[in-house]
């Protein structure tokens, strides 16, 4: 039965590898899934429509993408990067590493990565350009953090599958989180040392307008609110710094500190939302086609293969399966884990093993053409999505090997 049910997934993967549009790949696989499963067209349409609604419900990435464009066009990102470059001078490689750490911290505290990437990626791009190792370092650190953060759905799913308290599970996974964050930051530093900066023509030749530290305030405040807004809310007991408020604060500061006209700030904010809204819409449709494949039980059957492996190989096999499933269905990592973890739960695996499988799924999403964080990196660094996936792949696979080796320790 698995051989038949896996056909739609194979069709989707092959078409994606051939660089066909994700909706063409998804539609082809979805139609085959409907035929195999004998699905009613009305029911299938309802599944796709529901998936679009799910993706468009992610408002934080939309708001922060719009805010990033607004702040960038006001010149605040440039001013902040100029300030950092003047202070560090010939230590620009360390700037890349610091930004990866900032991205990791923001992701771990928020429990999701794409919204933070929308804000931080343009800063990194302005500082060092589209260095492949920097982009890969950000992706790897982001994956490790959003799959182990106590604030993420992925961590909750992993903890529940092992019948363990979420906070205890997150603490147990912290060494692995730190390992991948350090590796991501080190990769970014090494990449800039090896290649130098990869700024666009003129950006490194002093053709920038003179900036002041005051102009950097909107960007600095936005980054601080994105990272620490939730923590401030927790300490004060007041839920003040929500994404909408953070964006409004940054907008006011763009007017005050950067002397940008209010009308221009509004237009920049609206323009900044277009890319992410378009991406979410397309990804939502694709996710709907993936959900049609899921209706066949394909992913549960793949996950069950781990249970048939020898005891010593159960976790490594589960790690590989979660990684592979996340590539075509990487738009929703929690959905991947919801398909894989119940099977592992029945095997009585420890929560750290569940956590390693969650990280593996997170790494898989970072080479997925339908992952929002990859889209955010693509937009922030102005690099084609498939080039990012190609550049990320070898480093992500190294991360996968580390997880497999670690799986033999946590037993």
Protein backbone atom coordinates (compact mmCIF):
# COMPACT_ATOMS: atom_id res chain seq x y z
CA UNK A 1 0.00 0.00 0.00
CA UNK A 2 2.89 2.37 0.80
CA UNK A 3 4.34 1.90 -2.68
CA UNK A 4 1.06 3.13 -4.17
CA UNK A 5 0.50 5.96 -1.70
CA UNK A 6 4.02 7.32 -2.09
CA UNK A 7 3.61 7.90 -5.85
CA UNK A 8 2.04 11.40 -5.48
CA UNK A 9 4.89 12.44 -3.15
CA UNK A 10 7.50 11.16 -5.60
CA UNK A 11 5.82 13.12 -8.40
CA UNK A 12 5.94 16.32 -6.33
CA UNK A 13 9.58 15.85 -5.36
CA UNK A 14 10.68 15.06 -8.93
CA UNK A 15 8.93 18.13 -10.33
CA UNK A 16 10.44 20.35 -7.61
CA UNK A 17 13.91 18.95 -8.35
CA UNK A 18 13.30 19.78 -12.02
CA UNK A 19 12.58 23.34 -10.82
CA UNK A 20 8.96 23.32 -11.88
CA UNK A 21 6.74 25.84 -10.08
CA UNK A 22 5.66 24.52 -6.70
CA UNK A 23 1.97 24.83 -7.63
CA UNK A 24 2.47 22.75 -10.78
CA UNK A 25 4.27 20.10 -8.72
CA UNK A 26 1.64 20.22 -5.99
CA UNK A 27 -1.28 20.05 -8.41
CA UNK A 28 0.17 17.04 -10.21
CA UNK A 29 0.74 15.18 -6.95
CA UNK A 30 -2.62 16.27 -5.57
CA UNK A 31 -4.57 15.00 -8.58
CA UNK A 32 -2.82 11.62 -8.41
CA UNK A 33 -3.54 11.47 -4.67
CA UNK A 34 -7.23 12.16 -5.34
CA UNK A 35 -7.34 9.36 -7.90
CA UNK A 36 -5.57 6.86 -5.65
CA UNK A 37 -7.69 7.76 -2.64
CA UNK A 38 -10.94 8.11 -4.55
CA UNK A 39 -11.46 11.55 -3.03
CA UNK A 40 -14.52 13.66 -3.67
CA UNK A 41 -13.50 16.86 -5.56
CA UNK A 42 -15.52 18.99 -3.15
CA UNK A 43 -13.73 17.48 -0.14
CA UNK A 44 -10.35 17.96 -1.81
CA UNK A 45 -11.17 21.59 -2.57
CA UNK A 46 -12.13 22.11 1.08
CA UNK A 47 -8.76 20.72 2.24
CA UNK A 48 -6.86 23.06 -0.08
CA UNK A 49 -8.96 26.06 0.92
CA UNK A 50 -8.43 25.32 4.62
CA UNK A 51 -4.67 25.13 4.07
CA UNK A 52 -4.61 28.54 2.42
CA UNK A 53 -6.47 29.97 5.39
CA UNK A 54 -3.95 28.40 7.76
CA UNK A 55 -0.97 29.99 6.04
CA UNK A 56 -2.60 33.42 5.74
CA UNK A 57 -3.25 33.28 9.48
CA UNK A 58 0.47 33.83 10.20
CA UNK A 59 0.28 37.59 10.81
CA UNK A 60 3.57 38.12 12.67
CA UNK A 61 5.79 37.37 9.62
CA UNK A 62 3.61 39.64 7.48
CA UNK A 63 3.82 42.53 9.95
CA UNK A 64 7.56 42.17 10.47
CA UNK A 65 8.25 41.84 6.74
CA UNK A 66 6.36 45.07 6.15
CA UNK A 67 8.17 46.74 9.05
CA UNK A 68 11.56 45.63 7.72
CA UNK A 69 10.86 47.24 4.35
CA UNK A 70 9.57 50.39 6.02
CA UNK A 71 12.64 50.74 8.24
CA UNK A 72 15.00 49.85 5.40
CA UNK A 73 13.59 52.46 3.02
CA UNK A 74 13.91 55.05 5.76
CA UNK A 75 17.66 54.38 5.79
CA UNK A 76 17.70 53.09 9.35
CA UNK A 77 19.16 49.66 8.58
CA UNK A 78 21.98 51.28 6.64
CA UNK A 79 22.70 53.66 9.50
CA UNK A 80 22.82 50.80 12.03
CA UNK A 81 25.15 48.75 9.84
CA UNK A 82 27.38 51.77 9.23
CA UNK A 83 27.67 52.27 12.98
CA UNK A 84 28.58 48.61 13.54
CA UNK A 85 31.16 48.68 10.76
CA UNK A 86 32.81 51.81 12.15
CA UNK A 87 33.09 50.24 15.60
CA UNK A 88 34.38 46.87 14.42
CA UNK A 89 36.34 48.17 11.42
CA UNK A 90 38.35 45.17 10.13
CA UNK A 91 36.37 42.68 12.22
CA UNK A 92 33.41 42.59 9.87
CA UNK A 93 33.35 38.77 9.87
CA UNK A 94 32.44 38.87 13.54
CA UNK A 95 29.44 41.07 12.67
CA UNK A 96 28.03 38.17 10.67
CA UNK A 97 28.48 35.81 13.61
CA UNK A 98 26.84 38.26 16.01
CA UNK A 99 23.84 38.63 13.70
CA UNK A 100 23.41 34.83 13.60
CA UNK A 101 23.41 34.81 17.40
CA UNK A 102 20.83 37.62 17.41
CA UNK A 103 18.68 35.66 14.96
CA UNK A 104 18.99 32.54 17.11
CA UNK A 105 18.06 34.40 20.29
CA UNK A 106 15.07 36.06 18.66
CA UNK A 107 13.86 32.75 17.25
CA UNK A 108 14.29 30.87 20.53
CA UNK A 109 12.39 33.49 22.48
CA UNK A 110 9.56 33.80 19.93
CA UNK A 111 9.31 30.13 19.03
CA UNK A 112 9.31 30.92 15.30
CA UNK A 113 11.89 32.14 12.85
CA UNK A 114 10.45 33.70 9.70
CA UNK A 115 9.22 36.92 11.31
CA UNK A 116 12.64 37.54 12.85
CA UNK A 117 14.37 36.71 9.58
CA UNK A 118 12.29 39.36 7.83
CA UNK A 119 13.82 41.97 10.14
CA UNK A 120 17.36 40.67 10.60
CA UNK A 121 18.21 39.36 7.09
CA UNK A 122 18.23 42.85 5.48
CA UNK A 123 20.61 44.01 8.22
CA UNK A 124 22.99 41.14 7.54
CA UNK A 125 22.71 41.66 3.78
CA UNK A 126 23.61 45.33 4.18
CA UNK A 127 26.60 44.44 6.38
CA UNK A 128 28.23 41.54 4.51
CA UNK A 129 26.12 40.77 1.46
CA UNK A 130 24.73 37.41 0.37
CA UNK A 131 27.54 35.19 1.68
CA UNK A 132 26.28 31.58 1.32
CA UNK A 133 27.76 30.46 4.64
CA UNK A 134 26.09 33.35 6.45
CA UNK A 135 22.70 32.45 4.97
CA UNK A 136 23.23 28.77 5.82
CA UNK A 137 24.36 29.67 9.34
CA UNK A 138 21.20 31.69 9.89
CA UNK A 139 19.05 28.85 8.52
CA UNK A 140 20.67 26.16 10.70
CA UNK A 141 20.53 28.26 13.89
CA UNK A 142 16.92 29.17 13.16
CA UNK A 143 15.92 25.54 12.61
CA UNK A 144 17.52 24.40 15.87
CA UNK A 145 15.92 27.22 17.85
CA UNK A 146 12.34 27.06 16.64
CA UNK A 147 12.23 23.26 17.07
CA UNK A 148 13.52 23.35 20.66
CA UNK A 149 12.12 26.64 21.99
CA UNK A 150 9.71 26.24 24.92
CA UNK A 151 7.47 28.72 23.07
CA UNK A 152 7.15 26.67 19.87
CA UNK A 153 4.51 24.20 18.73
CA UNK A 154 7.26 21.81 17.63
CA UNK A 155 8.66 21.58 21.16
CA UNK A 156 5.20 21.03 22.62
CA UNK A 157 4.58 18.18 20.18
CA UNK A 158 7.93 16.54 20.98
CA UNK A 159 7.38 16.84 24.74
CA UNK A 160 3.82 15.50 24.58
CA UNK A 161 4.95 12.56 22.45
CA UNK A 162 7.37 11.61 25.23
CA UNK A 163 4.90 12.45 28.04
CA UNK A 164 7.31 14.99 29.49
CA UNK A 165 6.88 18.52 30.78
CA UNK A 166 7.57 21.07 28.04
CA UNK A 167 10.02 23.12 30.13
CA UNK A 168 11.93 19.99 31.17
CA UNK A 169 12.10 18.83 27.56
CA UNK A 170 13.34 22.25 26.38
CA UNK A 171 16.03 22.24 29.08
CA UNK A 172 17.13 18.76 28.06
CA UNK A 173 17.45 19.91 24.44
CA UNK A 174 19.34 23.11 25.30
CA UNK A 175 22.85 21.61 24.77
CA UNK A 176 21.87 20.56 21.25
CA UNK A 177 20.31 23.96 20.60
CA UNK A 178 23.49 25.74 21.69
CA UNK A 179 25.61 23.37 19.60
CA UNK A 180 23.79 24.24 16.38
CA UNK A 181 23.65 27.95 17.22
CA UNK A 182 27.43 28.04 17.78
CA UNK A 183 27.99 26.05 14.59
CA UNK A 184 25.76 28.43 12.64
CA UNK A 185 27.57 31.50 13.98
CA UNK A 186 30.99 29.92 13.34
CA UNK A 187 29.94 29.03 9.80
CA UNK A 188 28.94 32.64 9.15
CA UNK A 189 32.24 34.01 10.50
CA UNK A 190 34.23 31.48 8.48
CA UNK A 191 32.29 32.30 5.31
CA UNK A 192 33.06 36.01 5.52
CA UNK A 193 36.71 35.33 6.34
CA UNK A 194 36.94 33.02 3.32
CA UNK A 195 35.01 35.08 0.77
CA UNK A 196 35.08 38.59 2.16
CA UNK A 197 31.92 40.66 1.93
CA UNK A 198 29.68 40.15 -1.08
CA UNK A 199 28.03 43.56 -1.19
CA UNK A 200 26.55 44.82 -4.42
CA UNK A 201 28.60 47.16 -6.59
CA UNK A 202 28.99 50.52 -4.96
CA UNK A 203 27.85 49.41 -1.53
CA UNK A 204 31.40 48.72 -0.43
CA UNK A 205 32.96 51.60 -2.32
CA UNK A 206 31.79 54.37 -0.09
CA UNK A 207 28.87 55.44 -2.26
CA UNK A 208 26.53 55.62 0.71
CA UNK A 209 24.95 58.72 2.07
CA UNK A 210 26.32 59.96 5.37
CA UNK A 211 24.33 58.49 8.23
CA UNK A 212 24.04 59.24 11.92
CA UNK A 213 23.41 57.09 14.97
CA UNK A 214 20.04 58.80 15.43
CA UNK A 215 18.89 57.34 12.10
CA UNK A 216 19.79 53.86 13.39
CA UNK A 217 17.33 54.11 16.28
CA UNK A 218 14.22 52.74 14.45
CA UNK A 219 16.11 49.64 13.29
CA UNK A 220 17.70 49.10 16.69
CA UNK A 221 14.39 49.51 18.53
CA UNK A 222 12.58 47.18 16.12
CA UNK A 223 15.20 44.45 16.59
CA UNK A 224 15.06 44.86 20.39
CA UNK A 225 11.25 44.68 20.44
CA UNK A 226 11.22 41.64 18.16
CA UNK A 227 13.66 39.83 20.44
CA UNK A 228 12.68 41.04 23.89
CA UNK A 229 9.09 42.27 23.47
CA UNK A 230 7.61 39.03 24.78
CA UNK A 231 10.02 38.94 27.71
CA UNK A 232 9.15 42.55 28.63
CA UNK A 233 5.46 41.64 28.54
CA UNK A 234 6.13 38.73 30.88
CA UNK A 235 8.10 40.82 33.34
CA UNK A 236 5.59 43.67 33.46
CA UNK A 237 2.46 41.53 33.27
CA UNK A 238 1.17 43.79 30.50
CA UNK A 239 0.76 42.46 26.97
CA UNK A 240 1.86 45.71 25.34
CA UNK A 241 4.54 44.77 22.83
CA UNK A 242 2.58 42.75 20.32
CA UNK A 243 3.76 42.71 16.66
CA UNK A 244 1.29 45.45 15.68
CA UNK A 245 2.53 47.75 18.46
CA UNK A 246 6.16 47.02 17.62
CA UNK A 247 5.56 48.00 14.00
CA UNK A 248 3.75 51.19 14.98
CA UNK A 249 6.59 52.20 17.31
CA UNK A 250 9.11 51.65 14.50
CA UNK A 251 6.93 53.68 12.11
CA UNK A 252 6.80 56.67 14.47
CA UNK A 253 10.56 56.48 14.96
CA UNK A 254 11.11 56.45 11.18
CA UNK A 255 9.28 59.78 10.99
CA UNK A 256 11.04 61.29 14.01
CA UNK A 257 14.58 59.96 13.62
CA UNK A 258 14.92 59.52 9.86
CA UNK A 259 12.78 62.51 8.84
CA UNK A 260 10.77 60.29 6.49
CA UNK A 261 7.42 61.71 5.46
CA UNK A 262 4.47 59.99 7.18
CA UNK A 263 2.86 59.20 3.83
CA UNK A 264 6.10 57.57 2.62
CA UNK A 265 6.31 55.51 5.81
CA UNK A 266 2.77 54.25 5.21
CA UNK A 267 3.48 53.40 1.57
CA UNK A 268 6.71 51.63 2.49
CA UNK A 269 4.85 49.60 5.10
CA UNK A 270 2.22 48.50 2.59
CA UNK A 271 4.80 47.74 -0.10
CA UNK A 272 6.77 45.62 2.35
CA UNK A 273 3.86 43.26 2.91
CA UNK A 274 3.40 42.30 -0.73
CA UNK A 275 6.18 39.73 -1.01
CA UNK A 276 5.31 37.77 2.13
CA UNK A 277 1.56 37.85 1.43
CA UNK A 278 2.14 36.53 -2.08
CA UNK A 279 4.46 33.85 -0.70
CA UNK A 280 2.03 32.77 2.01
CA UNK A 281 -0.79 32.53 -0.53
CA UNK A 282 1.24 30.32 -2.87
CA UNK A 283 2.62 28.19 -0.06
CA UNK A 284 -0.89 27.76 1.35
CA UNK A 285 -2.15 26.32 -1.93
CA UNK A 286 0.87 24.00 -2.15
CA UNK A 287 0.34 22.88 1.45
CA UNK A 288 -3.23 22.03 0.51
CA UNK A 289 -1.96 19.64 -2.18
CA UNK A 290 0.46 18.12 0.35
CA UNK A 291 -2.46 17.62 2.72
CA UNK A 292 -4.26 15.71 -0.03
CA UNK A 293 -1.28 13.34 -0.10
CA UNK A 294 -1.42 13.16 3.71
CA UNK A 295 -5.05 11.99 3.47
CA UNK A 296 -3.73 8.74 1.99
CA UNK A 297 -1.77 8.05 5.18
CA UNK A 298 1.50 8.31 3.26
CA UNK A 299 3.45 10.15 5.94
CA UNK A 300 2.25 7.93 8.79
CA UNK A 301 3.28 4.88 6.75
CA UNK A 302 6.73 6.37 6.13
CA UNK A 303 7.11 7.14 9.83
CA UNK A 304 6.12 3.57 10.68
CA UNK A 305 9.22 2.37 8.81
CA UNK A 306 11.31 3.60 11.75
CA UNK A 307 9.56 1.14 14.05
CA UNK A 308 10.60 -1.74 11.78
CA UNK A 309 14.30 -0.89 12.07
CA UNK A 310 16.61 -2.63 14.60
CA UNK A 311 16.42 -0.97 18.03
CA UNK A 312 19.78 0.76 17.69
CA UNK A 313 18.72 2.31 14.37
CA UNK A 314 15.17 3.42 15.23
CA UNK A 315 16.11 7.00 16.11
CA UNK A 316 18.59 7.48 13.20
CA UNK A 317 15.98 6.17 10.75
CA UNK A 318 13.31 8.43 12.29
CA UNK A 319 15.67 11.40 11.97
CA UNK A 320 16.24 10.69 8.27
CA UNK A 321 12.53 10.14 7.60
CA UNK A 322 11.54 13.38 9.36
CA UNK A 323 14.20 15.26 7.40
CA UNK A 324 13.04 13.87 4.06
CA UNK A 325 9.33 14.41 4.75
CA UNK A 326 10.04 18.04 5.71
CA UNK A 327 11.56 18.88 2.33
CA UNK A 328 8.37 18.71 0.23
CA UNK A 329 6.07 19.62 3.13
CA UNK A 330 8.34 22.13 4.86
CA UNK A 331 5.79 24.93 4.89
CA UNK A 332 4.49 23.64 8.22
CA UNK A 333 7.12 21.89 10.34
CA UNK A 334 4.71 21.20 13.20
CA UNK A 335 2.50 19.35 10.73
CA UNK A 336 5.41 17.10 9.78
CA UNK A 337 6.06 16.27 13.43
CA UNK A 338 2.37 15.63 14.06
CA UNK A 339 2.62 12.88 11.43
CA UNK A 340 5.92 11.35 12.60
CA UNK A 341 6.04 11.63 16.40
CA UNK A 342 2.93 9.56 17.31
CA UNK A 343 4.57 6.46 15.81
CA UNK A 344 7.77 7.10 17.78
CA UNK A 345 5.75 7.74 20.92
CA UNK A 346 4.34 4.21 20.72
CA UNK A 347 7.92 2.92 20.78
CA UNK A 348 8.59 4.60 24.14
CA UNK A 349 11.53 6.73 22.99
CA UNK A 350 12.98 9.36 25.37
CA UNK A 351 12.12 13.02 24.85
CA UNK A 352 15.66 13.87 23.72
CA UNK A 353 15.24 11.41 20.86
CA UNK A 354 11.96 13.14 19.98
CA UNK A 355 13.80 16.46 20.15
CA UNK A 356 16.49 15.27 17.72
CA UNK A 357 13.76 14.19 15.30
CA UNK A 358 12.18 17.64 15.65
CA UNK A 359 15.49 19.34 14.85
CA UNK A 360 15.90 17.03 11.84
CA UNK A 361 12.50 18.14 10.54
CA UNK A 362 13.55 21.76 11.13
CA UNK A 363 16.74 21.24 9.13
CA UNK A 364 14.69 19.65 6.34
CA UNK A 365 12.55 22.76 6.11
CA UNK A 366 15.68 24.83 5.46
CA UNK A 367 16.15 23.11 2.10
CA UNK A 368 12.45 23.26 1.26
CA UNK A 369 11.27 25.58 -1.53
CA UNK A 370 8.00 26.16 0.33
CA UNK A 371 9.40 27.13 3.73
CA UNK A 372 8.59 30.71 4.80
CA UNK A 373 11.99 31.20 6.43
CA UNK A 374 13.69 30.33 3.13
CA UNK A 375 11.42 32.82 1.38
CA UNK A 376 12.38 35.41 4.01
CA UNK A 377 16.09 34.75 3.45
CA UNK A 378 15.54 34.97 -0.30
CA UNK A 379 13.81 38.33 0.03
CA UNK A 380 16.24 39.71 2.61
CA UNK A 381 19.40 38.77 0.70
CA UNK A 382 17.86 39.16 -2.78
CA UNK A 383 18.91 35.65 -3.78
CA UNK A 384 16.87 33.08 -5.71
CA UNK A 385 15.20 30.50 -3.45
CA UNK A 386 16.67 27.53 -5.31
CA UNK A 387 20.18 28.98 -5.03
CA UNK A 388 19.72 29.30 -1.28
CA UNK A 389 18.54 25.69 -1.11
CA UNK A 390 21.52 24.51 -3.16
CA UNK A 391 23.98 26.47 -1.00
CA UNK A 392 22.31 25.36 2.23
CA UNK A 393 22.17 21.68 1.35
CA UNK A 394 25.74 20.61 2.12
CA UNK A 395 25.77 22.40 5.46
CA UNK A 396 22.32 21.15 6.41
CA UNK A 397 23.39 17.59 5.57
CA UNK A 398 26.39 18.04 7.87
CA UNK A 399 23.92 19.04 10.58
CA UNK A 400 21.89 15.92 9.82
CA UNK A 401 25.00 13.75 10.27
CA UNK A 402 25.61 15.40 13.66
CA UNK A 403 22.04 14.57 14.70
CA UNK A 404 22.43 10.94 13.63
CA UNK A 405 25.67 10.61 15.61
CA UNK A 406 24.03 12.27 18.62
CA UNK A 407 21.14 9.80 18.42
CA UNK A 408 23.44 6.99 19.47
CA UNK A 409 24.32 8.93 22.63
CA UNK A 410 20.84 9.82 23.88
CA UNK A 411 19.57 6.24 24.02
